[in-house]
Protein backbone atom coordinates (compact mmCIF):
# COMPACT_ATOMS: atom_id res chain seq x y z
CA UNK A 1 -17.23 -3.23 4.99
CA UNK A 2 -17.45 0.56 5.01
CA UNK A 3 -20.97 1.79 4.51
CA UNK A 4 -21.55 4.50 1.89
CA UNK A 5 -23.28 6.77 4.42
CA UNK A 6 -20.19 6.75 6.62
CA UNK A 7 -18.01 7.68 3.66
CA UNK A 8 -20.32 10.56 2.77
CA UNK A 9 -20.32 11.73 6.39
CA UNK A 10 -16.52 11.63 6.48
CA UNK A 11 -16.33 13.70 3.30
CA UNK A 12 -18.78 16.25 4.67
CA UNK A 13 -16.83 16.46 7.93
CA UNK A 14 -13.67 17.20 5.97
CA UNK A 15 -15.43 20.17 4.33
CA UNK A 16 -16.86 21.54 7.59
CA UNK A 17 -15.65 24.77 9.10
CA UNK A 18 -13.79 24.63 12.43
CA UNK A 19 -16.94 25.80 14.23
CA UNK A 20 -19.07 23.15 12.50
CA UNK A 21 -16.55 20.47 13.48
CA UNK A 22 -16.55 21.78 17.05
CA UNK A 23 -20.36 21.59 17.22
CA UNK A 24 -20.37 18.12 15.62
CA UNK A 25 -17.82 16.90 18.16
CA UNK A 26 -19.79 18.47 21.01
CA UNK A 27 -23.01 16.71 20.00
CA UNK A 28 -21.62 13.32 18.95
CA UNK A 29 -22.56 11.48 22.16
CA UNK A 30 -26.01 13.05 22.10
CA UNK A 31 -26.58 11.84 18.52
CA UNK A 32 -25.52 8.31 19.50
CA UNK A 33 -27.87 8.26 22.50
CA UNK A 34 -30.75 9.63 20.38
CA UNK A 35 -30.15 6.84 17.87
CA UNK A 36 -30.15 4.23 20.66
CA UNK A 37 -33.37 5.69 22.06
CA UNK A 38 -35.06 5.41 18.65
CA UNK A 39 -33.84 1.82 18.26
CA UNK A 40 -35.01 0.88 21.77
CA UNK A 41 -38.42 2.51 21.26
CA UNK A 42 -38.80 0.53 18.03
CA UNK A 43 -37.88 -2.68 19.82
CA UNK A 44 -40.47 -2.04 22.52
CA UNK A 45 -43.22 -1.16 20.04
CA UNK A 46 -42.50 -4.26 17.92
CA UNK A 47 -41.95 -6.55 20.88
CA UNK A 48 -38.63 -7.81 19.48
CA UNK A 49 -35.27 -6.49 18.34
CA UNK A 50 -33.86 -6.71 14.83
CA UNK A 51 -30.33 -7.97 14.37
CA UNK A 52 -28.42 -7.56 11.11
CA UNK A 53 -26.46 -10.66 10.21
CA UNK A 54 -23.97 -11.25 7.42
CA UNK A 55 -23.98 -14.71 5.94
CA UNK A 56 -21.80 -16.25 3.27
CA UNK A 57 -23.53 -17.46 0.12
CA UNK A 58 -21.69 -19.90 -2.10
CA UNK A 59 -22.84 -20.33 -5.66
CA UNK A 60 -22.01 -22.66 -8.50
CA UNK A 61 -21.36 -21.29 -11.98
CA UNK A 62 -20.14 -22.50 -15.32
CA UNK A 63 -16.78 -20.97 -16.13
CA UNK A 64 -15.07 -21.00 -19.48
CA UNK A 65 -11.37 -20.96 -20.08
CA UNK A 66 -9.33 -20.97 -23.23
CA UNK A 67 -10.56 -24.29 -24.50
CA UNK A 68 -12.47 -25.85 -21.64
CA UNK A 69 -15.66 -25.46 -19.66
CA UNK A 70 -15.74 -26.20 -15.95
CA UNK A 71 -17.79 -25.66 -12.87
CA UNK A 72 -16.48 -23.10 -10.44
CA UNK A 73 -17.71 -21.66 -7.18
CA UNK A 74 -18.28 -18.10 -6.20
CA UNK A 75 -18.86 -16.68 -2.77
CA UNK A 76 -20.45 -13.46 -1.64
CA UNK A 77 -21.76 -12.02 1.58
CA UNK A 78 -25.48 -11.45 2.04
CA UNK A 79 -26.88 -9.20 4.72
CA UNK A 80 -30.29 -9.78 6.23
CA UNK A 81 -32.27 -8.72 9.27
CA UNK A 82 -33.33 -11.33 11.80
CA UNK A 83 -35.83 -10.91 14.65
CA UNK A 84 -34.42 -11.45 18.15
CA UNK A 85 -36.44 -12.03 21.32
CA UNK A 86 -36.03 -9.37 24.02
CA UNK A 87 -37.01 -8.89 27.64
CA UNK A 88 -39.50 -6.02 27.40
CA UNK A 89 -39.02 -4.99 31.04
CA UNK A 90 -35.23 -4.82 30.60
CA UNK A 91 -35.68 -2.92 27.33
CA UNK A 92 -37.93 -0.39 29.10
CA UNK A 93 -35.31 0.02 31.82
CA UNK A 94 -32.67 0.60 29.18
CA UNK A 95 -34.91 3.21 27.52
CA UNK A 96 -35.47 5.00 30.84
CA UNK A 97 -31.71 5.11 31.44
CA UNK A 98 -31.04 6.42 27.94
CA UNK A 99 -33.65 9.16 28.33
CA UNK A 100 -32.02 10.23 31.61
CA UNK A 101 -28.60 10.19 29.95
CA UNK A 102 -29.94 12.24 27.04
CA UNK A 103 -30.92 15.02 29.45
CA UNK A 104 -27.37 15.12 30.84
CA UNK A 105 -25.85 15.10 27.36
CA UNK A 106 -28.14 17.88 26.12
CA UNK A 107 -26.91 20.10 28.94
CA UNK A 108 -23.27 19.21 28.25
CA UNK A 109 -23.76 19.77 24.50
CA UNK A 110 -25.32 23.21 25.06
CA UNK A 111 -22.33 24.25 27.15
CA UNK A 112 -19.86 22.91 24.61
CA UNK A 113 -21.70 24.61 21.72
CA UNK A 114 -21.55 27.89 23.62
CA UNK A 115 -17.77 27.44 23.89
CA UNK A 116 -17.62 26.68 20.15
CA UNK A 117 -19.55 29.87 19.43
CA UNK A 118 -17.34 32.00 21.68
CA UNK A 119 -14.17 30.56 20.12
CA UNK A 120 -15.36 31.40 16.60
């Protein structure tokens, strides 16, 4: 299933100037790591992680045809969040590693953005 936000992001990327695309490409890894840091900090503060699960839901309905009435089934997917136990020490280690990685990626992104600016 394609999420609407991803579609909107793809459309915006298609309208971006070459320099904007260059900067977006240069900072992509940094954005991912920042998102993971936020998720990990939330897990630590809550004391558990949240996992999104998709489950099938089957329903029963009354369907009508040309001259008959019958029962028929319908199925759809439901999405819900479920709490998941975590090892807080391991989660803190992961956060520390992500913060270190973010510093490296910020430096790399600054260099790449400077190249984008000089190419423009």
